[in-house]
Amino acid sequence: MDPTEPRLASELFQQLLTTMARLRAPGGCAWDREQTFDSIKPYTLEETYEVLDAIDARDWPGLKEELGDFILQAVFYSQMAEEAGLFKIEDALTAINSKLIRRHPHIFSDSTAATADDVLRQWDQIKATEKPETKGAALLDSVSRAAPALVEALQISSKAAGQGFDWPDLQSVLEKLNEELAELAEARR
């Protein structure tokens, strides 16, 4: 990588932040100024799907444009958060950079991870120590309720499988269900 590229990216990102601040400032764009966290949520979802569509189509020029629109969403939310005194974009950038370094000790520390599976295991272990409240009933709290139903179901299934609730076929599931129902019936007697 050319050592001047990060500086250029930083300058361009700062220009985007300045542009968004101007659009939201008094005398800025009426449409941008009236937007709220909730009003731009549909655009965030739309831009996410457009990024995915460009990837599926292997439309790299389109992806470049869609990623710009996607990044704009993060900048828009961060500008509104700063205006409300909630946080600044620097806080979000610091948080994600710290998380990446913390969850990659095989790169930034003395830990080892030889395979991608090792990396994922290590990532999950670190994540579990960061959020110890995800035990028991709170296990599903990290599943997004805003996700489409099938995505939410997949996330729930994945969490359940991680806790040992995973069976190789439908018959095994039905057997376990019947076992649990029998235990319930016995307990009610």
C-alpha atoms as a PDB file:
ATOM      1  CA  MET A   1       0.000   0.000   0.000  1.00  0.00           C
ATOM      2  CA  ASP A   2       1.236   3.454  -0.874  1.00  0.00           C
ATOM      3  CA  PRO A   3       2.008   5.256   2.437  1.00  0.00           C
ATOM      4  CA  THR A   4       0.172   8.362   1.204  1.00  0.00           C
ATOM      5  CA  GLU A   5      -3.105   6.465   0.691  1.00  0.00           C
ATOM      6  CA  PRO A   6      -4.208   6.474   4.367  1.00  0.00           C
ATOM      7  CA  ARG A   7      -3.583  10.218   4.519  1.00  0.00           C
ATOM      8  CA  LEU A   8      -5.654  10.749   1.375  1.00  0.00           C
ATOM      9  CA  ALA A   9      -8.453   8.555   2.739  1.00  0.00           C
ATOM     10  CA  SER A  10      -8.332  10.526   5.991  1.00  0.00           C
ATOM     11  CA  GLU A  11      -8.587  13.817   4.111  1.00  0.00           C
ATOM     12  CA  LEU A  12     -11.477  12.555   1.983  1.00  0.00           C
ATOM     13  CA  PHE A  13     -13.277  11.225   5.059  1.00  0.00           C
ATOM     14  CA  GLN A  14     -12.844  14.599   6.759  1.00  0.00           C
ATOM     15  CA  GLN A  15     -14.332  16.270   3.667  1.00  0.00           C
ATOM     16  CA  LEU A  16     -17.356  13.967   3.935  1.00  0.00           C
ATOM     17  CA  LEU A  17     -17.775  14.840   7.631  1.00  0.00           C
ATOM     18  CA  THR A  18     -17.543  18.543   6.799  1.00  0.00           C
ATOM     19  CA  THR A  19     -20.089  18.175   3.989  1.00  0.00           C
ATOM     20  CA  MET A  20     -22.553  16.357   6.250  1.00  0.00           C
ATOM     21  CA  ALA A  21     -22.119  18.930   9.028  1.00  0.00           C
ATOM     22  CA  ARG A  22     -22.843  21.701   6.508  1.00  0.00           C
ATOM     23  CA  LEU A  23     -25.941  19.912   5.186  1.00  0.00           C
ATOM     24  CA  ARG A  24     -27.310  19.577   8.746  1.00  0.00           C
ATOM     25  CA  ALA A  25     -26.312  23.081   9.914  1.00  0.00           C
ATOM     26  CA  PRO A  26     -28.674  26.066  10.030  1.00  0.00           C
ATOM     27  CA  GLY A  27     -29.033  27.227   6.460  1.00  0.00           C
ATOM     28  CA  GLY A  28     -28.184  23.732   5.233  1.00  0.00           C
ATOM     29  CA  CYS A  29     -30.397  21.344   3.291  1.00  0.00           C
ATOM     30  CA  ALA A  30     -34.010  21.306   4.533  1.00  0.00           C
ATOM     31  CA  TRP A  31     -34.376  17.571   3.843  1.00  0.00           C
ATOM     32  CA  ASP A  32     -31.135  16.602   5.596  1.00  0.00           C
ATOM     33  CA  ARG A  33     -31.937  18.862   8.563  1.00  0.00           C
ATOM     34  CA  GLU A  34     -35.332  17.253   9.197  1.00  0.00           C
ATOM     35  CA  GLN A  35     -34.038  13.681   9.200  1.00  0.00           C
ATOM     36  CA  THR A  36     -33.948  11.654  12.419  1.00  0.00           C
ATOM     37  CA  PHE A  37     -32.420   8.337  13.454  1.00  0.00           C
ATOM     38  CA  ASP A  38     -35.733   6.673  12.667  1.00  0.00           C
ATOM     39  CA  SER A  39     -36.459   8.456   9.396  1.00  0.00           C
ATOM     40  CA  ILE A  40     -33.221   7.323   7.735  1.00  0.00           C
ATOM     41  CA  LYS A  41     -33.438   3.698   8.894  1.00  0.00           C
ATOM     42  CA  PRO A  42     -35.168   2.620   5.653  1.00  0.00           C
ATOM     43  CA  TYR A  43     -32.358   4.214   3.635  1.00  0.00           C
ATOM     44  CA  THR A  44     -29.779   2.319   5.679  1.00  0.00           C
ATOM     45  CA  LEU A  45     -31.515  -0.945   4.895  1.00  0.00           C
ATOM     46  CA  GLU A  46     -31.854  -0.003   1.222  1.00  0.00           C
ATOM     47  CA  GLU A  47     -28.159   0.885   0.965  1.00  0.00           C
ATOM     48  CA  THR A  48     -27.212  -2.389   2.664  1.00  0.00           C
ATOM     49  CA  TYR A  49     -29.144  -4.381   0.085  1.00  0.00           C
ATOM     50  CA  GLU A  50     -27.660  -2.332  -2.756  1.00  0.00           C
ATOM     51  CA  VAL A  51     -24.147  -3.161  -1.500  1.00  0.00           C
ATOM     52  CA  LEU A  52     -25.071  -6.847  -1.404  1.00  0.00           C
ATOM     53  CA  ASP A  53     -26.608  -6.683  -4.888  1.00  0.00           C
ATOM     54  CA  ALA A  54     -23.458  -5.093  -6.316  1.00  0.00           C
ATOM     55  CA  ILE A  55     -21.341  -7.845  -4.743  1.00  0.00           C
ATOM     56  CA  ASP A  56     -23.624 -10.584  -6.064  1.00  0.00           C
ATOM     57  CA  ALA A  57     -23.471  -9.047  -9.550  1.00  0.00           C
ATOM     58  CA  ARG A  58     -19.687  -8.592  -9.282  1.00  0.00           C
ATOM     59  CA  ASP A  59     -20.381  -4.968 -10.247  1.00  0.00           C
ATOM     60  CA  TRP A  60     -17.230  -3.406  -8.835  1.00  0.00           C
ATOM     61  CA  PRO A  61     -17.871   0.149 -10.124  1.00  0.00           C
ATOM     62  CA  GLY A  62     -21.386  -0.152  -8.684  1.00  0.00           C
ATOM     63  CA  LEU A  63     -19.984  -1.461  -5.405  1.00  0.00           C
ATOM     64  CA  LYS A  64     -17.685   1.560  -5.169  1.00  0.00           C
ATOM     65  CA  GLU A  65     -20.707   3.861  -5.450  1.00  0.00           C
ATOM     66  CA  GLU A  66     -22.876   1.802  -3.104  1.00  0.00           C
ATOM     67  CA  LEU A  67     -20.143   1.646  -0.456  1.00  0.00           C
ATOM     68  CA  GLY A  68     -20.014   5.436  -0.568  1.00  0.00           C
ATOM     69  CA  ASP A  69     -23.769   5.548   0.048  1.00  0.00           C
ATOM     70  CA  PHE A  70     -23.374   2.973   2.833  1.00  0.00           C
ATOM     71  CA  ILE A  71     -20.592   4.965   4.513  1.00  0.00           C
ATOM     72  CA  LEU A  72     -22.794   8.048   4.271  1.00  0.00           C
ATOM     73  CA  GLN A  73     -25.331   6.306   6.503  1.00  0.00           C
ATOM     74  CA  ALA A  74     -22.758   5.902   9.297  1.00  0.00           C
ATOM     75  CA  VAL A  75     -21.691   9.524   8.884  1.00  0.00           C
ATOM     76  CA  PHE A  76     -25.338  10.693   8.923  1.00  0.00           C
ATOM     77  CA  TYR A  77     -26.115   8.792  12.148  1.00  0.00           C
ATOM     78  CA  SER A  78     -22.891  10.024  13.748  1.00  0.00           C
ATOM     79  CA  GLN A  79     -23.645  13.638  12.841  1.00  0.00           C
ATOM     80  CA  MET A  80     -27.097  13.366  14.413  1.00  0.00           C
ATOM     81  CA  ALA A  81     -25.588  11.695  17.494  1.00  0.00           C
ATOM     82  CA  GLU A  82     -23.061  14.500  17.868  1.00  0.00           C
ATOM     83  CA  GLU A  83     -25.807  17.113  17.522  1.00  0.00           C
ATOM     84  CA  ALA A  84     -27.752  15.335  20.287  1.00  0.00           C
ATOM     85  CA  GLY A  85     -24.657  15.149  22.513  1.00  0.00           C
ATOM     86  CA  LEU A  86     -24.649  11.339  22.424  1.00  0.00           C
ATOM     87  CA  PHE A  87     -21.241  10.646  20.876  1.00  0.00           C
ATOM     88  CA  LYS A  88     -18.949  11.757  18.068  1.00  0.00           C
ATOM     89  CA  ILE A  89     -17.859   9.737  15.051  1.00  0.00           C
ATOM     90  CA  GLU A  90     -14.387   9.629  16.594  1.00  0.00           C
ATOM     91  CA  ASP A  91     -15.909   7.583  19.430  1.00  0.00           C
ATOM     92  CA  ALA A  92     -17.378   5.063  16.983  1.00  0.00           C
ATOM     93  CA  LEU A  93     -14.093   4.845  15.067  1.00  0.00           C
ATOM     94  CA  THR A  94     -12.119   4.388  18.289  1.00  0.00           C
ATOM     95  CA  ALA A  95     -14.540   1.678  19.434  1.00  0.00           C
ATOM     96  CA  ILE A  96     -14.298  -0.378  16.233  1.00  0.00           C
ATOM     97  CA  ASN A  97     -10.523  -0.013  15.972  1.00  0.00           C
ATOM     98  CA  SER A  98     -10.086  -1.062  19.619  1.00  0.00           C
ATOM     99  CA  LYS A  99     -12.426  -4.008  19.090  1.00  0.00           C
ATOM    100  CA  LEU A 100     -10.521  -5.199  16.013  1.00  0.00           C
ATOM    101  CA  ILE A 101      -7.193  -5.029  17.827  1.00  0.00           C
ATOM    102  CA  ARG A 102      -8.584  -6.662  20.980  1.00  0.00           C
ATOM    103  CA  ARG A 103     -10.232  -9.496  19.043  1.00  0.00           C
ATOM    104  CA  HIS A 104      -7.153 -10.182  16.894  1.00  0.00           C
ATOM    105  CA  PRO A 105      -4.517 -10.996  19.526  1.00  0.00           C
ATOM    106  CA  HIS A 106      -2.897 -13.389  17.051  1.00  0.00           C
ATOM    107  CA  ILE A 107      -1.952 -10.298  15.031  1.00  0.00           C
ATOM    108  CA  PHE A 108      -1.545  -7.543  17.629  1.00  0.00           C
ATOM    109  CA  SER A 109      -0.351  -9.574  20.638  1.00  0.00           C
ATOM    110  CA  ASP A 110       1.377 -12.858  21.418  1.00  0.00           C
ATOM    111  CA  SER A 111      -1.565 -15.213  20.880  1.00  0.00           C
ATOM    112  CA  THR A 112      -1.654 -17.729  18.035  1.00  0.00           C
ATOM    113  CA  ALA A 113      -4.390 -18.815  15.663  1.00  0.00           C
ATOM    114  CA  ALA A 114      -3.245 -21.068  12.831  1.00  0.00           C
ATOM    115  CA  THR A 115      -6.538 -21.438  10.964  1.00  0.00           C
ATOM    116  CA  ALA A 116      -9.635 -19.398  10.245  1.00  0.00           C
ATOM    117  CA  ASP A 117     -11.556 -21.710  12.609  1.00  0.00           C
ATOM    118  CA  ASP A 118      -9.018 -20.931  15.356  1.00  0.00           C
ATOM    119  CA  VAL A 119      -9.544 -17.227  14.723  1.00  0.00           C
ATOM    120  CA  LEU A 120     -13.341 -17.569  14.986  1.00  0.00           C
ATOM    121  CA  ARG A 121     -13.077 -19.615  18.185  1.00  0.00           C
ATOM    122  CA  GLN A 122     -10.744 -17.024  19.687  1.00  0.00           C
ATOM    123  CA  TRP A 123     -13.021 -14.174  18.532  1.00  0.00           C
ATOM    124  CA  ASP A 124     -16.037 -15.823  20.179  1.00  0.00           C
ATOM    125  CA  GLN A 125     -14.114 -16.469  23.419  1.00  0.00           C
ATOM    126  CA  ILE A 126     -12.987 -12.858  23.604  1.00  0.00           C
ATOM    127  CA  LYS A 127     -16.480 -11.616  22.775  1.00  0.00           C
ATOM    128  CA  ALA A 128     -17.935 -13.801  25.544  1.00  0.00           C
ATOM    129  CA  THR A 129     -15.580 -12.241  28.107  1.00  0.00           C
ATOM    130  CA  GLU A 130     -16.528  -8.756  26.917  1.00  0.00           C
ATOM    131  CA  LYS A 131     -20.232  -9.440  27.334  1.00  0.00           C
ATOM    132  CA  PRO A 132     -20.609 -11.842  30.253  1.00  0.00           C
ATOM    133  CA  GLU A 133     -24.324 -11.026  30.528  1.00  0.00           C
ATOM    134  CA  THR A 134     -24.998 -13.207  27.471  1.00  0.00           C
ATOM    135  CA  LYS A 135     -25.402 -16.267  29.674  1.00  0.00           C
ATOM    136  CA  GLY A 136     -28.698 -18.081  30.184  1.00  0.00           C
ATOM    137  CA  ALA A 137     -31.866 -16.204  29.321  1.00  0.00           C
ATOM    138  CA  ALA A 138     -29.950 -13.189  28.021  1.00  0.00           C
ATOM    139  CA  LEU A 139     -28.224 -15.347  25.404  1.00  0.00           C
ATOM    140  CA  LEU A 140     -30.604 -14.168  22.682  1.00  0.00           C
ATOM    141  CA  ASP A 141     -30.383 -10.488  23.617  1.00  0.00           C
ATOM    142  CA  SER A 142     -27.689  -9.990  20.973  1.00  0.00           C
ATOM    143  CA  VAL A 143     -30.010 -11.223  18.204  1.00  0.00           C
ATOM    144  CA  SER A 144     -31.247  -8.238  16.220  1.00  0.00           C
ATOM    145  CA  ARG A 145     -35.015  -7.841  16.429  1.00  0.00           C
ATOM    146  CA  ALA A 146     -34.855  -5.505  13.423  1.00  0.00           C
ATOM    147  CA  ALA A 147     -33.563  -8.243  11.115  1.00  0.00           C
ATOM    148  CA  PRO A 148     -35.900  -9.939   8.642  1.00  0.00           C
ATOM    149  CA  ALA A 149     -37.622 -12.976  10.184  1.00  0.00           C
ATOM    150  CA  LEU A 150     -35.484 -15.540   8.375  1.00  0.00           C
ATOM    151  CA  VAL A 151     -32.253 -13.783   9.338  1.00  0.00           C
ATOM    152  CA  GLU A 152     -33.438 -13.548  12.945  1.00  0.00           C
ATOM    153  CA  ALA A 153     -34.338 -17.261  12.906  1.00  0.00           C
ATOM    154  CA  LEU A 154     -30.874 -18.124  11.559  1.00  0.00           C
ATOM    155  CA  GLN A 155     -29.207 -16.046  14.285  1.00  0.00           C
ATOM    156  CA  ILE A 156     -31.342 -17.702  16.990  1.00  0.00           C
ATOM    157  CA  SER A 157     -30.582 -21.141  15.557  1.00  0.00           C
ATOM    158  CA  SER A 158     -26.866 -20.374  15.535  1.00  0.00           C
ATOM    159  CA  LYS A 159     -26.952 -19.191  19.162  1.00  0.00           C
ATOM    160  CA  ALA A 160     -28.896 -22.315  20.175  1.00  0.00           C
ATOM    161  CA  ALA A 161     -26.450 -24.579  18.329  1.00  0.00           C
ATOM    162  CA  GLY A 162     -23.607 -22.914  20.200  1.00  0.00           C
ATOM    163  CA  GLN A 163     -25.285 -24.023  23.435  1.00  0.00           C
ATOM    164  CA  GLY A 164     -25.646 -27.635  22.301  1.00  0.00           C
ATOM    165  CA  PHE A 165     -29.141 -27.373  20.839  1.00  0.00           C
ATOM    166  CA  ASP A 166     -28.268 -28.758  17.428  1.00  0.00           C
ATOM    167  CA  TRP A 167     -29.424 -31.992  15.857  1.00  0.00           C
ATOM    168  CA  PRO A 168     -28.430 -33.687  12.616  1.00  0.00           C
ATOM    169  CA  ASP A 169     -31.972 -34.222  11.299  1.00  0.00           C
ATOM    170  CA  LEU A 170     -35.667 -33.572  11.888  1.00  0.00           C
ATOM    171  CA  GLN A 171     -36.234 -36.962  13.517  1.00  0.00           C
ATOM    172  CA  SER A 172     -33.665 -36.144  16.202  1.00  0.00           C
ATOM    173  CA  VAL A 173     -35.389 -32.832  16.884  1.00  0.00           C
ATOM    174  CA  LEU A 174     -38.767 -34.543  17.227  1.00  0.00           C
ATOM    175  CA  GLU A 175     -37.314 -37.154  19.582  1.00  0.00           C
ATOM    176  CA  LYS A 176     -35.836 -34.422  21.790  1.00  0.00           C
ATOM    177  CA  LEU A 177     -39.112 -32.494  21.708  1.00  0.00           C
ATOM    178  CA  ASN A 178     -41.078 -35.590  22.745  1.00  0.00           C
ATOM    179  CA  GLU A 179     -38.562 -36.246  25.526  1.00  0.00           C
ATOM    180  CA  GLU A 180     -39.007 -32.705  26.845  1.00  0.00           C
ATOM    181  CA  LEU A 181     -42.809 -32.933  26.578  1.00  0.00           C
ATOM    182  CA  ALA A 182     -42.755 -36.198  28.540  1.00  0.00           C
ATOM    183  CA  GLU A 183     -40.646 -34.529  31.245  1.00  0.00           C
ATOM    184  CA  LEU A 184     -43.094 -31.625  31.368  1.00  0.00           C
ATOM    185  CA  ALA A 185     -46.066 -33.975  31.645  1.00  0.00           C
ATOM    186  CA  GLU A 186     -44.318 -35.876  34.446  1.00  0.00           C
ATOM    187  CA  ALA A 187     -43.513 -32.660  36.297  1.00  0.00           C
ATOM    188  CA  ARG A 188     -47.149 -31.522  36.093  1.00  0.00           C
ATOM    189  CA  ARG A 189     -48.416 -34.730  37.780  1.00  0.00           C
END
